[in-house]
Each structure stands twice: as structure tokens, then as C-alpha cells.
């Protein structure tokens, strides 16, 4: 079966092949998103792409939900610790659409004082 092609009117017009989607986020030392690639904008697409400058933890489903900035900063640090230098499975929380299973890996950014680079890929469907 051919891979599904992702498309969204809210995202850039170019569709992505699900198998090739690789979202990249740059996080500051506090776990806030400071930059994103086009795939990340697609994955969290919606009418408002304001996930840039938002807390990393706010992009994923958590057992505890809160909009409190201190909670989100703490939760982001926990996610960073859990995914640093290893793949972790999470549920992405798009602005529009259903949550989706993803795998997340973080690495320390070279030359970026305390910053991180997060790689996010859709989780392959169970066979």
C-alpha cells in the first residue's frame, strides 16, 4: 500500500508524504520553541501557527493539562530530559485536527547556549 500523502489547506500548499515528514524545532534553554521547519509548521498546522514562541510541552498531549507558563516550562524540561539523545513516543496536539502518534528525539544544539534541536516524525502504523 502506498504511503498516505498529507495535505492541509491551513499548511503550505505543498503536500508531504507521511513517510518523509521530519519536523524540526529549535528550543531555547527554557523549552520554548524559537524556530521550526516547514514540516513542523505542517504537523501543527492551523489558522494560527503561533506554536513558535510557545512551550514545547504545549505541543503534546499530557496527563495534566495547563496553560500556566510555569507549569509548561517545568513540563517542557521533563519532556526534554525524557527525549534527550533518545527516541520517545508522544502524542502531538495539532492546532487543527486529531492528535497523532509521533516519535521525538532531542539533542543539544551545537553553539547554542543551552538550546536544543527536536526531531519529530510520525509513528509508523502498527502492523
N, C-alpha and C. Protein backbone atom coordinates (compact mmCIF):
# COMPACT_ATOMS: atom_id res chain seq x y z
N UNK A 1 0.85 -1.18 0.00
CA UNK A 1 0.00 0.00 0.00
C UNK A 1 0.89 1.23 0.00
N UNK A 2 0.57 2.19 -0.83
CA UNK A 2 1.33 3.42 -0.94
C UNK A 2 1.14 4.28 0.30
N UNK A 3 2.20 5.00 0.67
CA UNK A 3 2.12 5.90 1.83
C UNK A 3 1.08 6.98 1.59
N UNK A 4 0.40 7.36 2.63
CA UNK A 4 -0.59 8.42 2.54
C UNK A 4 0.10 9.75 2.33
N UNK A 5 -0.49 10.62 1.54
CA UNK A 5 0.05 11.96 1.33
C UNK A 5 -0.73 12.90 2.23
N UNK A 6 0.02 13.68 2.99
CA UNK A 6 -0.60 14.63 3.90
C UNK A 6 -0.87 15.93 3.16
N UNK A 7 -2.03 16.50 3.38
CA UNK A 7 -2.31 17.81 2.82
C UNK A 7 -3.23 18.54 3.77
N UNK A 8 -3.07 19.83 3.81
CA UNK A 8 -3.88 20.65 4.70
C UNK A 8 -3.99 22.04 4.11
N UNK A 9 -5.21 22.56 3.97
CA UNK A 9 -5.35 23.90 3.44
C UNK A 9 -4.71 24.94 4.35
N UNK A 10 -4.60 24.64 5.65
CA UNK A 10 -4.02 25.60 6.58
C UNK A 10 -2.50 25.62 6.48
N UNK A 11 -1.90 24.54 6.00
CA UNK A 11 -0.45 24.47 5.88
C UNK A 11 -0.04 24.97 4.51
N UNK A 12 1.25 24.94 4.24
CA UNK A 12 1.74 25.31 2.93
C UNK A 12 1.07 24.43 1.89
N UNK A 13 0.96 24.91 0.66
CA UNK A 13 0.23 24.21 -0.37
C UNK A 13 0.88 22.89 -0.76
N UNK A 14 2.19 22.74 -0.59
CA UNK A 14 2.89 21.52 -0.98
C UNK A 14 2.55 20.38 -0.02
N UNK A 15 2.00 19.26 -0.53
CA UNK A 15 1.71 18.12 0.35
C UNK A 15 2.98 17.38 0.73
N UNK A 16 2.95 16.70 1.85
CA UNK A 16 4.07 15.91 2.32
C UNK A 16 3.70 14.44 2.27
N UNK A 17 4.65 13.60 1.92
CA UNK A 17 4.48 12.16 2.03
C UNK A 17 4.73 11.82 3.49
N UNK A 18 3.80 11.17 4.12
CA UNK A 18 3.89 10.85 5.55
C UNK A 18 5.22 10.19 5.91
N UNK A 19 5.72 9.30 5.07
CA UNK A 19 6.96 8.59 5.37
C UNK A 19 8.16 9.53 5.38
N UNK A 20 8.08 10.65 4.69
CA UNK A 20 9.20 11.57 4.60
C UNK A 20 9.10 12.76 5.56
N UNK A 21 8.01 12.88 6.28
CA UNK A 21 7.80 14.02 7.16
C UNK A 21 8.80 13.97 8.33
N UNK A 22 9.56 15.04 8.50
CA UNK A 22 10.51 15.14 9.61
C UNK A 22 10.48 16.58 10.11
N UNK A 23 9.72 16.78 11.16
CA UNK A 23 9.59 18.12 11.74
C UNK A 23 10.81 18.40 12.60
N UNK A 24 11.30 19.63 12.53
CA UNK A 24 12.45 20.05 13.35
C UNK A 24 12.08 21.34 14.07
N UNK A 25 12.29 21.34 15.39
CA UNK A 25 12.06 22.53 16.20
C UNK A 25 13.36 22.88 16.91
N UNK A 26 13.61 24.17 17.06
CA UNK A 26 14.73 24.64 17.86
C UNK A 26 14.13 25.21 19.14
N UNK A 27 14.65 24.73 20.28
CA UNK A 27 14.14 25.14 21.59
C UNK A 27 15.20 25.93 22.33
N UNK A 28 14.76 26.93 23.10
CA UNK A 28 15.69 27.64 23.96
C UNK A 28 15.90 26.83 25.24
N UNK A 29 16.73 27.32 26.14
CA UNK A 29 17.05 26.61 27.37
C UNK A 29 15.84 26.37 28.26
N UNK A 30 14.80 27.19 28.13
CA UNK A 30 13.58 27.04 28.93
C UNK A 30 12.56 26.11 28.29
N UNK A 31 12.85 25.60 27.11
CA UNK A 31 11.93 24.69 26.44
C UNK A 31 10.89 25.39 25.59
N UNK A 32 11.17 26.63 25.17
CA UNK A 32 10.27 27.35 24.28
C UNK A 32 10.73 27.18 22.84
N UNK A 33 9.79 27.03 21.92
CA UNK A 33 10.11 26.89 20.50
C UNK A 33 10.53 28.25 19.97
N UNK A 34 11.72 28.31 19.36
CA UNK A 34 12.21 29.57 18.80
C UNK A 34 12.30 29.54 17.28
N UNK A 35 12.28 28.33 16.69
CA UNK A 35 12.30 28.21 15.24
C UNK A 35 11.76 26.84 14.85
N UNK A 36 11.26 26.75 13.62
CA UNK A 36 10.68 25.50 13.14
C UNK A 36 10.86 25.40 11.64
N UNK A 37 10.92 24.17 11.14
CA UNK A 37 10.98 23.99 9.69
C UNK A 37 9.56 23.87 9.14
N UNK A 38 9.47 23.76 7.83
CA UNK A 38 8.18 23.70 7.15
C UNK A 38 7.37 22.46 7.56
N UNK A 39 8.04 21.33 7.76
CA UNK A 39 7.34 20.11 8.18
C UNK A 39 6.68 20.30 9.55
N UNK A 40 7.36 21.00 10.46
CA UNK A 40 6.77 21.28 11.78
C UNK A 40 5.56 22.17 11.63
N UNK A 41 5.67 23.18 10.79
CA UNK A 41 4.50 24.05 10.56
C UNK A 41 3.35 23.23 10.02
N UNK A 42 3.65 22.25 9.17
CA UNK A 42 2.59 21.40 8.64
C UNK A 42 1.99 20.52 9.74
N UNK A 43 2.85 19.86 10.52
CA UNK A 43 2.37 18.93 11.54
C UNK A 43 1.44 19.59 12.55
N UNK A 44 1.73 20.83 12.95
CA UNK A 44 0.90 21.54 13.92
C UNK A 44 0.04 22.60 13.26
N UNK A 45 -0.22 22.47 11.95
CA UNK A 45 -0.92 23.49 11.19
C UNK A 45 -2.29 23.83 11.75
N UNK A 46 -2.64 25.04 11.55
CA UNK A 46 -3.95 25.55 11.91
C UNK A 46 -4.04 26.96 11.42
N UNK A 47 -5.12 27.63 11.71
CA UNK A 47 -5.25 29.01 11.26
C UNK A 47 -4.20 29.91 11.91
N UNK A 48 -3.67 29.50 13.06
CA UNK A 48 -2.68 30.29 13.79
C UNK A 48 -1.46 29.42 14.03
N UNK A 49 -0.34 29.76 13.41
CA UNK A 49 0.88 28.96 13.54
C UNK A 49 1.74 29.52 14.67
N UNK A 50 1.12 29.91 15.75
CA UNK A 50 1.83 30.56 16.84
C UNK A 50 2.54 29.59 17.77
N UNK A 51 2.73 28.33 17.34
CA UNK A 51 3.47 27.42 18.20
C UNK A 51 4.92 27.88 18.35
N UNK A 52 5.42 28.68 17.39
CA UNK A 52 6.73 29.30 17.58
C UNK A 52 6.56 30.31 18.71
N UNK A 53 7.46 30.27 19.66
CA UNK A 53 7.45 31.04 20.90
C UNK A 53 6.55 30.41 21.96
N UNK A 54 6.07 29.21 21.70
CA UNK A 54 5.25 28.54 22.71
C UNK A 54 6.09 27.48 23.42
N UNK A 55 5.56 26.97 24.52
CA UNK A 55 6.26 25.94 25.28
C UNK A 55 6.22 24.62 24.51
N UNK A 56 7.36 23.94 24.46
CA UNK A 56 7.47 22.65 23.80
C UNK A 56 6.41 21.68 24.33
N UNK A 57 6.22 21.65 25.64
CA UNK A 57 5.26 20.73 26.26
C UNK A 57 3.84 20.99 25.77
N UNK A 58 3.50 22.21 25.42
CA UNK A 58 2.17 22.53 24.96
C UNK A 58 1.82 21.94 23.61
N UNK A 59 2.81 21.39 22.91
CA UNK A 59 2.59 20.81 21.59
C UNK A 59 2.19 19.33 21.65
N UNK A 60 2.20 18.77 22.86
CA UNK A 60 1.93 17.36 23.04
C UNK A 60 0.87 17.15 24.10
N UNK A 61 0.15 16.02 24.00
CA UNK A 61 -0.86 15.67 24.99
C UNK A 61 -0.15 15.21 26.26
N UNK A 62 -0.64 15.67 27.37
CA UNK A 62 -0.06 15.32 28.67
C UNK A 62 -1.17 14.82 29.58
N UNK A 63 -0.81 14.04 30.58
CA UNK A 63 -1.79 13.57 31.56
C UNK A 63 -2.38 14.75 32.32
N UNK A 64 -1.58 15.79 32.50
CA UNK A 64 -2.04 17.02 33.16
C UNK A 64 -2.00 18.14 32.14
N UNK A 65 -3.08 18.84 31.98
CA UNK A 65 -3.14 19.95 31.03
C UNK A 65 -3.24 21.26 31.79
N UNK A 66 -2.43 22.23 31.37
CA UNK A 66 -2.46 23.54 32.00
C UNK A 66 -1.88 24.57 31.03
N UNK A 67 -2.38 25.79 31.10
CA UNK A 67 -1.84 26.90 30.31
C UNK A 67 -0.90 27.76 31.15
N UNK A 68 -0.69 27.37 32.40
CA UNK A 68 0.18 28.13 33.29
C UNK A 68 1.61 28.09 32.76
N UNK A 69 2.24 29.26 32.51
CA UNK A 69 3.60 29.30 31.95
C UNK A 69 4.63 28.55 32.79
N UNK A 70 4.53 28.63 34.10
CA UNK A 70 5.49 27.91 34.95
C UNK A 70 5.31 26.40 34.83
N UNK A 71 4.06 25.94 34.78
CA UNK A 71 3.79 24.52 34.60
C UNK A 71 4.36 24.05 33.26
N UNK A 72 4.09 24.82 32.18
CA UNK A 72 4.56 24.42 30.86
C UNK A 72 6.08 24.41 30.78
N UNK A 73 6.74 25.34 31.44
CA UNK A 73 8.20 25.35 31.45
C UNK A 73 8.73 24.10 32.15
N UNK A 74 8.14 23.76 33.29
CA UNK A 74 8.55 22.56 34.03
C UNK A 74 8.27 21.31 33.20
N UNK A 75 7.09 21.23 32.61
CA UNK A 75 6.73 20.08 31.78
C UNK A 75 7.66 19.97 30.57
N UNK A 76 8.03 21.11 29.98
CA UNK A 76 8.97 21.09 28.85
C UNK A 76 10.31 20.52 29.28
N UNK A 77 10.79 20.91 30.44
CA UNK A 77 12.07 20.39 30.94
C UNK A 77 11.99 18.88 31.17
N UNK A 78 10.84 18.39 31.64
CA UNK A 78 10.66 16.95 31.84
C UNK A 78 10.69 16.24 30.49
N UNK A 79 9.99 16.79 29.49
CA UNK A 79 9.99 16.19 28.15
C UNK A 79 11.40 16.19 27.55
N UNK A 80 12.12 17.29 27.73
CA UNK A 80 13.48 17.38 27.21
C UNK A 80 14.35 16.29 27.85
N UNK A 81 14.26 16.14 29.15
CA UNK A 81 15.05 15.12 29.85
C UNK A 81 14.69 13.71 29.35
N UNK A 82 13.42 13.48 29.08
CA UNK A 82 12.97 12.16 28.63
C UNK A 82 13.33 11.83 27.20
N UNK A 83 13.53 12.85 26.36
CA UNK A 83 13.80 12.61 24.95
C UNK A 83 15.22 12.99 24.54
N UNK A 84 16.03 13.42 25.49
CA UNK A 84 17.39 13.85 25.16
C UNK A 84 18.23 12.65 24.74
N UNK A 85 18.71 12.71 23.51
CA UNK A 85 19.58 11.68 22.92
C UNK A 85 18.93 10.31 22.81
N UNK A 86 17.60 10.27 22.76
CA UNK A 86 16.89 9.00 22.53
C UNK A 86 15.49 9.30 21.98
N UNK A 87 14.94 8.32 21.28
CA UNK A 87 13.59 8.46 20.74
C UNK A 87 12.57 8.18 21.83
N UNK A 88 11.53 9.01 21.88
CA UNK A 88 10.43 8.87 22.83
C UNK A 88 9.12 8.99 22.05
N UNK A 89 8.15 8.19 22.42
CA UNK A 89 6.83 8.23 21.76
C UNK A 89 5.91 9.19 22.52
N UNK A 90 5.29 10.11 21.76
CA UNK A 90 4.36 11.07 22.34
C UNK A 90 3.17 11.22 21.41
N UNK A 91 2.17 11.96 21.86
CA UNK A 91 1.01 12.29 21.01
C UNK A 91 1.05 13.78 20.73
N UNK A 92 1.26 14.12 19.45
CA UNK A 92 1.27 15.53 19.05
C UNK A 92 -0.15 16.07 19.12
N UNK A 93 -0.26 17.35 19.48
CA UNK A 93 -1.55 18.01 19.63
C UNK A 93 -1.62 19.15 18.61
N UNK A 94 -2.04 18.83 17.37
CA UNK A 94 -2.13 19.87 16.34
C UNK A 94 -3.15 20.96 16.71
N UNK A 95 -2.96 22.14 16.14
CA UNK A 95 -3.91 23.23 16.35
C UNK A 95 -5.27 22.80 15.81
N UNK A 96 -5.28 22.23 14.62
CA UNK A 96 -6.49 21.69 14.00
C UNK A 96 -6.27 20.21 13.75
N UNK A 97 -7.30 19.42 13.93
CA UNK A 97 -7.19 18.01 13.63
C UNK A 97 -7.00 17.15 14.86
N UNK A 98 -6.91 15.87 14.61
CA UNK A 98 -6.81 14.87 15.66
C UNK A 98 -5.37 14.73 16.16
N UNK A 99 -5.20 14.38 17.42
CA UNK A 99 -3.86 14.07 17.93
C UNK A 99 -3.26 12.94 17.10
N UNK A 100 -1.95 12.94 17.01
CA UNK A 100 -1.29 11.91 16.23
C UNK A 100 -0.06 11.39 16.95
N UNK A 101 0.16 10.09 16.82
CA UNK A 101 1.32 9.45 17.45
C UNK A 101 2.59 9.88 16.70
N UNK A 102 3.57 10.31 17.47
CA UNK A 102 4.85 10.72 16.90
C UNK A 102 5.99 10.17 17.74
N UNK A 103 7.16 10.17 17.17
CA UNK A 103 8.37 9.88 17.94
C UNK A 103 9.21 11.14 17.96
N UNK A 104 9.80 11.42 19.11
CA UNK A 104 10.50 12.67 19.34
C UNK A 104 11.90 12.36 19.86
N UNK A 105 12.89 13.09 19.34
CA UNK A 105 14.27 12.98 19.82
C UNK A 105 14.83 14.38 19.94
N UNK A 106 15.50 14.65 21.05
CA UNK A 106 16.16 15.94 21.25
C UNK A 106 17.66 15.75 21.37
N UNK A 107 18.38 16.76 20.88
CA UNK A 107 19.83 16.82 21.03
C UNK A 107 20.19 18.23 21.41
N UNK A 108 21.29 18.37 22.13
CA UNK A 108 21.78 19.71 22.45
C UNK A 108 22.27 20.36 21.16
N UNK A 109 21.92 21.62 20.97
CA UNK A 109 22.35 22.36 19.78
C UNK A 109 23.81 22.77 19.96
N UNK A 110 24.59 22.57 18.94
CA UNK A 110 25.98 23.00 18.99
C UNK A 110 26.05 24.51 18.82
N UNK A 111 26.76 25.18 19.68
CA UNK A 111 26.90 26.62 19.58
C UNK A 111 25.72 27.41 20.11
N UNK A 112 24.69 26.75 20.55
CA UNK A 112 23.53 27.44 21.09
C UNK A 112 23.49 27.24 22.59
N UNK A 113 23.83 28.25 23.33
CA UNK A 113 23.94 28.13 24.79
C UNK A 113 22.64 27.59 25.40
N UNK A 114 22.67 26.32 25.76
CA UNK A 114 21.52 25.71 26.42
C UNK A 114 20.35 25.41 25.52
N UNK A 115 20.50 25.53 24.22
CA UNK A 115 19.37 25.28 23.32
C UNK A 115 19.39 23.83 22.83
N UNK A 116 18.26 23.42 22.25
CA UNK A 116 18.07 22.05 21.81
C UNK A 116 17.48 22.03 20.41
N UNK A 117 17.70 20.91 19.72
CA UNK A 117 17.06 20.66 18.44
C UNK A 117 16.21 19.41 18.61
N UNK A 118 14.92 19.55 18.31
CA UNK A 118 13.98 18.43 18.42
C UNK A 118 13.62 17.94 17.02
N UNK A 119 13.66 16.64 16.84
CA UNK A 119 13.25 15.99 15.60
C UNK A 119 11.98 15.21 15.91
N UNK A 120 10.93 15.44 15.11
CA UNK A 120 9.63 14.79 15.35
C UNK A 120 9.20 14.10 14.06
N UNK A 121 8.86 12.81 14.16
CA UNK A 121 8.41 12.05 13.00
C UNK A 121 7.13 11.32 13.36
N UNK A 122 6.21 11.20 12.39
CA UNK A 122 5.02 10.39 12.65
C UNK A 122 5.43 8.96 12.97
N UNK A 123 4.72 8.37 13.90
CA UNK A 123 4.99 6.99 14.28
C UNK A 123 4.41 6.08 13.20
N UNK A 124 5.16 5.08 12.79
CA UNK A 124 4.66 4.15 11.78
C UNK A 124 3.46 3.39 12.34
N UNK A 125 2.43 3.18 11.51
CA UNK A 125 1.25 2.45 11.98
C UNK A 125 1.63 1.01 12.38
N UNK A 126 0.93 0.49 13.36
CA UNK A 126 1.18 -0.90 13.81
C UNK A 126 0.79 -1.85 12.71
N UNK A 127 1.54 -2.92 12.58
CA UNK A 127 1.25 -3.90 11.53
C UNK A 127 0.54 -5.09 12.11
